Amino acid sequence: MSELVGTIKELQRGDPSAKVQWWAYCDAMGGGVHDPAKHEETFMQEFLDNYNSGRRFEPSQPAATPYSPPHHAGGYGAGAGAGAFGAGGGGNPLAALCKEGQKRSHNWKNCWAQYCAHYGNGRNDPEKHDVTFITGFLDYVAGRGIQALSAGGAAAPDFGPPAKRPRVAAPAAGGFPGAAMPMSGAFGGDGKNELVMSIKAFQKSSPEAKEQWGNYCDEHLGGVRDPNRHDPTILKSFIQNYGIP
């Protein structure tokens, strides 16, 4: 395996947004082939150069995220009424699962809202998404859980309301206790503390700035306004969009 293949695979594992970009790049420039090993080194290097320079590709089909399962007979994407979840022609059971999670878990609700802000055009209603999209969310959450448990850093769950949680440490990525932060890849660490401080300083700079952050949280992040409770990719996106130094 070439060094560039390894670099792109590692980047995708550590950064969901980079994975989305790789897929979008392959859809636009590489015939929809997403396996780095199937591409020439010049193709992969061009992607890395574009990514490093800040250029971004718009995914051609937002619902078809990199977390889509392989297309095969009887799988998630089989024809209407078919497959593991489509039998019987009823409602989407995964959408019902997501709604139950939103009702019962603040962490789940927050993580789902952030995931939808990134990959689902800000639509938080599970009924608005297909099985493939929701499967991608479950795979993403499970992957973060595996990282945390493998690292031995899982904390005891806190079932109390958010206001009663001790403020001894910032919650981990996605609001999950002990969840691992996105791993540092070829493009440096996440620098979450600096991102949090930048947003807090931005809020203090003027009432208008504070209102901008509040509106952003209400519209895209489930109303959660504490920067510490958001993934670094969320914070970076806000900082870049509003030109915060």
Protein backbone atom coordinates (compact mmCIF):
# COMPACT_ATOMS: atom_id res chain seq x y z
CA MET A 1 0.00 0.00 0.00
CA SER A 2 1.41 3.38 -1.00
CA GLU A 3 2.01 6.13 1.52
CA LEU A 4 -0.70 8.32 -0.05
CA VAL A 5 -3.28 5.53 0.18
CA GLY A 6 -2.48 5.14 3.88
CA THR A 7 -2.63 8.90 4.43
CA ILE A 8 -6.08 9.24 2.87
CA LYS A 9 -7.46 6.22 4.70
CA GLU A 10 -6.14 7.53 8.02
CA LEU A 11 -7.55 10.97 7.28
CA GLN A 12 -11.00 9.51 6.59
CA ARG A 13 -10.95 7.49 9.82
CA GLY A 14 -9.99 10.50 11.92
CA ASP A 15 -12.09 13.26 10.37
CA PRO A 16 -15.69 12.69 9.17
CA SER A 17 -15.68 15.96 7.22
CA ALA A 18 -12.53 14.88 5.36
CA LYS A 19 -14.25 11.61 4.51
CA VAL A 20 -17.19 13.52 3.05
CA GLN A 21 -14.75 15.61 1.00
CA TRP A 22 -12.89 12.55 -0.31
CA TRP A 23 -16.16 10.98 -1.43
CA ALA A 24 -17.33 14.21 -3.06
CA TYR A 25 -13.98 14.56 -4.83
CA CYS A 26 -14.16 10.98 -6.11
CA ASP A 27 -17.75 11.46 -7.26
CA ALA A 28 -16.80 14.61 -9.15
CA MET A 29 -13.36 13.66 -10.47
CA GLY A 30 -12.84 9.93 -10.00
CA GLY A 31 -15.88 8.23 -11.47
CA GLY A 32 -17.41 7.54 -8.08
CA VAL A 33 -14.62 5.14 -7.06
CA HIS A 34 -13.95 5.79 -3.36
CA ASP A 35 -11.17 3.29 -2.65
CA PRO A 36 -7.88 5.26 -2.63
CA ALA A 37 -5.99 2.15 -3.78
CA LYS A 38 -7.90 2.27 -7.07
CA HIS A 39 -6.58 5.73 -7.98
CA GLU A 40 -3.28 7.04 -9.31
CA GLU A 41 -0.97 8.83 -6.90
CA THR A 42 -1.36 12.08 -8.83
CA PHE A 43 -5.14 11.91 -8.22
CA MET A 44 -4.66 11.40 -4.48
CA GLN A 45 -2.01 14.10 -4.22
CA GLU A 46 -4.29 16.57 -5.99
CA PHE A 47 -6.99 15.85 -3.42
CA LEU A 48 -4.60 16.44 -0.53
CA ASP A 49 -3.33 19.66 -2.10
CA ASN A 50 -6.89 20.93 -2.58
CA TYR A 51 -7.90 19.92 0.94
CA ASN A 52 -4.87 21.60 2.48
CA SER A 53 -5.54 24.79 0.55
CA GLY A 54 -9.11 24.94 1.85
CA ARG A 55 -10.91 24.06 -1.36
CA ARG A 56 -14.10 22.08 -0.76
CA PHE A 57 -16.28 20.00 -3.04
CA GLU A 58 -20.06 20.03 -2.74
CA PRO A 59 -21.40 16.48 -2.31
CA SER A 60 -23.49 15.61 -5.36
CA GLN A 61 -26.10 13.74 -3.30
CA PRO A 62 -26.23 14.94 0.33
CA ALA A 63 -28.22 11.91 1.46
CA ALA A 64 -25.58 9.51 0.16
CA THR A 65 -22.94 10.11 2.83
CA PRO A 66 -19.68 8.15 3.16
CA TYR A 67 -21.41 6.07 5.79
CA SER A 68 -23.66 4.44 3.18
CA PRO A 69 -23.51 0.63 3.32
CA PRO A 70 -22.39 -1.32 0.23
CA HIS A 71 -25.07 -1.71 -2.41
CA HIS A 72 -25.94 -5.37 -2.52
CA ALA A 73 -29.05 -7.46 -2.81
CA GLY A 74 -31.10 -7.53 0.37
CA GLY A 75 -29.09 -4.69 1.93
CA TYR A 76 -30.27 -1.41 3.33
CA GLY A 77 -30.75 0.15 -0.09
CA ALA A 78 -32.75 -2.66 -1.68
CA GLY A 79 -35.94 -1.83 -3.57
CA ALA A 80 -39.12 -0.54 -1.95
CA GLY A 81 -40.42 -2.89 0.68
CA ALA A 82 -37.31 -5.07 0.48
CA GLY A 83 -34.16 -5.51 2.50
CA ALA A 84 -33.41 -5.67 6.17
CA PHE A 85 -35.60 -2.70 7.14
CA GLY A 86 -38.07 -2.29 4.30
CA ALA A 87 -40.16 -5.43 4.63
CA GLY A 88 -43.87 -4.95 5.06
CA GLY A 89 -44.01 -1.44 3.53
CA GLY A 90 -44.39 0.24 6.94
CA GLY A 91 -42.62 3.26 8.37
CA ASN A 92 -38.89 3.49 8.82
CA PRO A 93 -38.03 1.74 12.11
CA LEU A 94 -34.68 3.53 12.30
CA ALA A 95 -36.46 6.88 12.18
CA ALA A 96 -38.58 5.73 15.12
CA LEU A 97 -35.40 4.69 16.94
CA CYS A 98 -33.89 8.13 16.38
CA LYS A 99 -37.00 9.87 17.66
CA GLU A 100 -36.97 7.73 20.79
CA GLY A 101 -33.32 8.61 21.30
CA GLN A 102 -34.12 12.32 20.96
CA LYS A 103 -36.79 12.02 23.64
CA ARG A 104 -34.79 9.98 26.14
CA SER A 105 -31.19 11.22 25.78
CA HIS A 106 -29.93 14.80 25.70
CA ASN A 107 -26.57 13.55 24.41
CA TRP A 108 -28.26 11.67 21.59
CA LYS A 109 -30.38 14.70 20.68
CA ASN A 110 -27.35 16.98 20.61
CA CYS A 111 -25.22 14.58 18.57
CA TRP A 112 -28.02 13.96 16.08
CA ALA A 113 -28.54 17.71 15.64
CA GLN A 114 -24.83 18.26 14.96
CA TYR A 115 -24.69 15.34 12.53
CA CYS A 116 -27.69 16.70 10.63
CA ALA A 117 -26.13 20.18 10.56
CA HIS A 118 -23.05 18.69 8.89
CA TYR A 119 -24.52 16.11 6.55
CA GLY A 120 -28.31 16.48 6.49
CA ASN A 121 -28.91 20.10 5.43
CA GLY A 122 -29.91 20.98 9.00
CA ARG A 123 -33.03 18.78 8.95
CA ASN A 124 -33.40 17.28 12.44
CA ASP A 125 -36.59 15.30 11.82
CA PRO A 126 -35.57 11.63 11.37
CA GLU A 127 -38.58 11.09 9.11
CA LYS A 128 -36.97 13.45 6.59
CA HIS A 129 -34.00 11.08 6.13
CA ASP A 130 -33.75 7.66 4.54
CA VAL A 131 -32.41 4.44 6.05
CA THR A 132 -28.97 4.99 4.53
CA PHE A 133 -28.53 8.36 6.22
CA ILE A 134 -29.65 7.12 9.64
CA THR A 135 -27.46 4.03 9.30
CA GLY A 136 -24.55 6.40 8.69
CA PHE A 137 -25.34 8.24 11.92
CA LEU A 138 -25.48 5.00 13.91
CA ASP A 139 -22.19 3.86 12.37
CA TYR A 140 -20.58 7.20 13.23
CA VAL A 141 -21.73 7.08 16.86
CA ALA A 142 -20.69 3.45 17.22
CA GLY A 143 -17.26 4.26 15.80
CA ARG A 144 -16.75 7.02 18.36
CA GLY A 145 -17.85 4.66 21.13
CA ILE A 146 -15.37 2.01 20.03
CA GLN A 147 -12.57 4.60 20.05
CA ALA A 148 -13.43 5.65 23.58
CA LEU A 149 -13.79 2.14 24.96
CA SER A 150 -10.63 0.91 23.25
CA ALA A 151 -8.72 3.80 24.81
CA GLY A 152 -10.07 2.87 28.23
CA GLY A 153 -11.41 6.37 28.72
CA ALA A 154 -15.13 5.74 29.01
CA ALA A 155 -16.72 7.59 31.92
CA ALA A 156 -19.80 6.60 33.90
CA PRO A 157 -22.95 7.84 32.17
CA ASP A 158 -24.63 10.89 33.64
CA PHE A 159 -28.40 10.56 33.53
CA GLY A 160 -29.14 13.84 35.28
CA PRO A 161 -30.30 16.98 33.52
CA PRO A 162 -27.55 19.10 31.90
CA ALA A 163 -27.84 21.84 34.55
CA LYS A 164 -26.79 19.42 37.31
CA ARG A 165 -23.60 18.24 35.68
CA PRO A 166 -20.41 19.26 37.50
CA ARG A 167 -18.36 21.73 35.52
CA VAL A 168 -15.01 20.04 36.09
CA ALA A 169 -14.23 19.26 32.49
CA ALA A 170 -15.57 19.95 29.03
CA PRO A 171 -17.73 17.15 27.64
CA ALA A 172 -16.05 15.12 24.96
CA ALA A 173 -16.81 15.15 21.25
CA GLY A 174 -20.48 14.85 20.32
CA GLY A 175 -21.55 15.15 23.96
CA PHE A 176 -20.80 11.51 24.76
CA PRO A 177 -19.10 10.73 28.08
CA GLY A 178 -15.50 9.80 27.45
CA ALA A 179 -15.93 9.82 23.66
CA ALA A 180 -12.68 10.24 21.78
CA MET A 181 -11.97 13.46 19.97
CA PRO A 182 -11.27 13.24 16.26
CA MET A 183 -7.75 11.86 15.96
CA SER A 184 -5.02 14.11 14.68
CA GLY A 185 -4.29 13.26 11.07
CA ALA A 186 -2.14 14.69 8.33
CA PHE A 187 -3.52 18.15 8.96
CA GLY A 188 -2.75 18.65 12.66
CA GLY A 189 -4.67 18.31 15.93
CA ASP A 190 -8.15 19.55 16.65
CA GLY A 191 -7.05 22.43 18.96
CA LYS A 192 -10.44 22.45 20.65
CA ASN A 193 -9.42 24.62 23.61
CA GLU A 194 -8.27 27.39 21.31
CA LEU A 195 -11.47 27.14 19.26
CA VAL A 196 -13.62 27.36 22.38
CA MET A 197 -11.71 30.38 23.65
CA SER A 198 -12.02 32.10 20.26
CA ILE A 199 -15.79 31.69 20.24
CA LYS A 200 -16.12 32.83 23.85
CA ALA A 201 -14.04 35.92 23.10
CA PHE A 202 -16.18 36.54 20.03
CA GLN A 203 -19.36 36.44 22.13
CA LYS A 204 -17.89 38.93 24.61
CA SER A 205 -16.85 41.34 21.86
CA SER A 206 -20.37 42.71 21.34
CA PRO A 207 -24.05 41.93 21.94
CA GLU A 208 -24.45 41.40 18.19
CA ALA A 209 -21.69 38.78 18.17
CA LYS A 210 -23.27 36.96 21.09
CA GLU A 211 -26.60 36.98 19.28
CA GLN A 212 -24.97 35.59 16.12
CA TRP A 213 -23.58 32.61 18.04
CA GLY A 214 -26.91 32.07 19.77
CA ASN A 215 -28.82 32.13 16.50
CA TYR A 216 -26.35 29.70 14.94
CA CYS A 217 -26.78 27.29 17.83
CA ASP A 218 -30.57 27.55 17.70
CA GLU A 219 -30.68 26.90 13.96
CA HIS A 220 -28.01 24.21 13.59
CA LEU A 221 -26.95 22.80 16.98
CA GLY A 222 -30.15 22.02 18.82
CA GLY A 223 -29.98 25.20 20.90
CA VAL A 224 -26.83 24.10 22.79
CA ARG A 225 -24.78 27.29 23.22
CA ASP A 226 -21.81 26.09 25.28
CA PRO A 227 -18.88 25.80 22.81
CA ASN A 228 -17.31 23.12 25.00
CA ARG A 229 -20.15 20.77 24.13
CA HIS A 230 -19.56 20.83 20.39
CA ASP A 231 -17.17 18.95 18.16
CA PRO A 232 -14.10 20.91 16.94
CA THR A 233 -15.31 20.61 13.34
CA ILE A 234 -18.50 22.46 14.32
CA LEU A 235 -16.51 25.23 16.00
CA LYS A 236 -14.11 25.55 13.07
CA SER A 237 -17.03 25.87 10.66
CA PHE A 238 -18.55 28.74 12.65
CA ILE A 239 -15.21 30.52 13.02
CA GLN A 240 -14.50 30.28 9.30
CA ASN A 241 -18.01 31.36 8.27
CA TYR A 242 -17.93 34.46 10.49
CA GLY A 243 -14.29 35.35 9.90
CA ILE A 244 -13.29 35.15 13.56
CA PRO A 245 -9.51 35.69 13.98
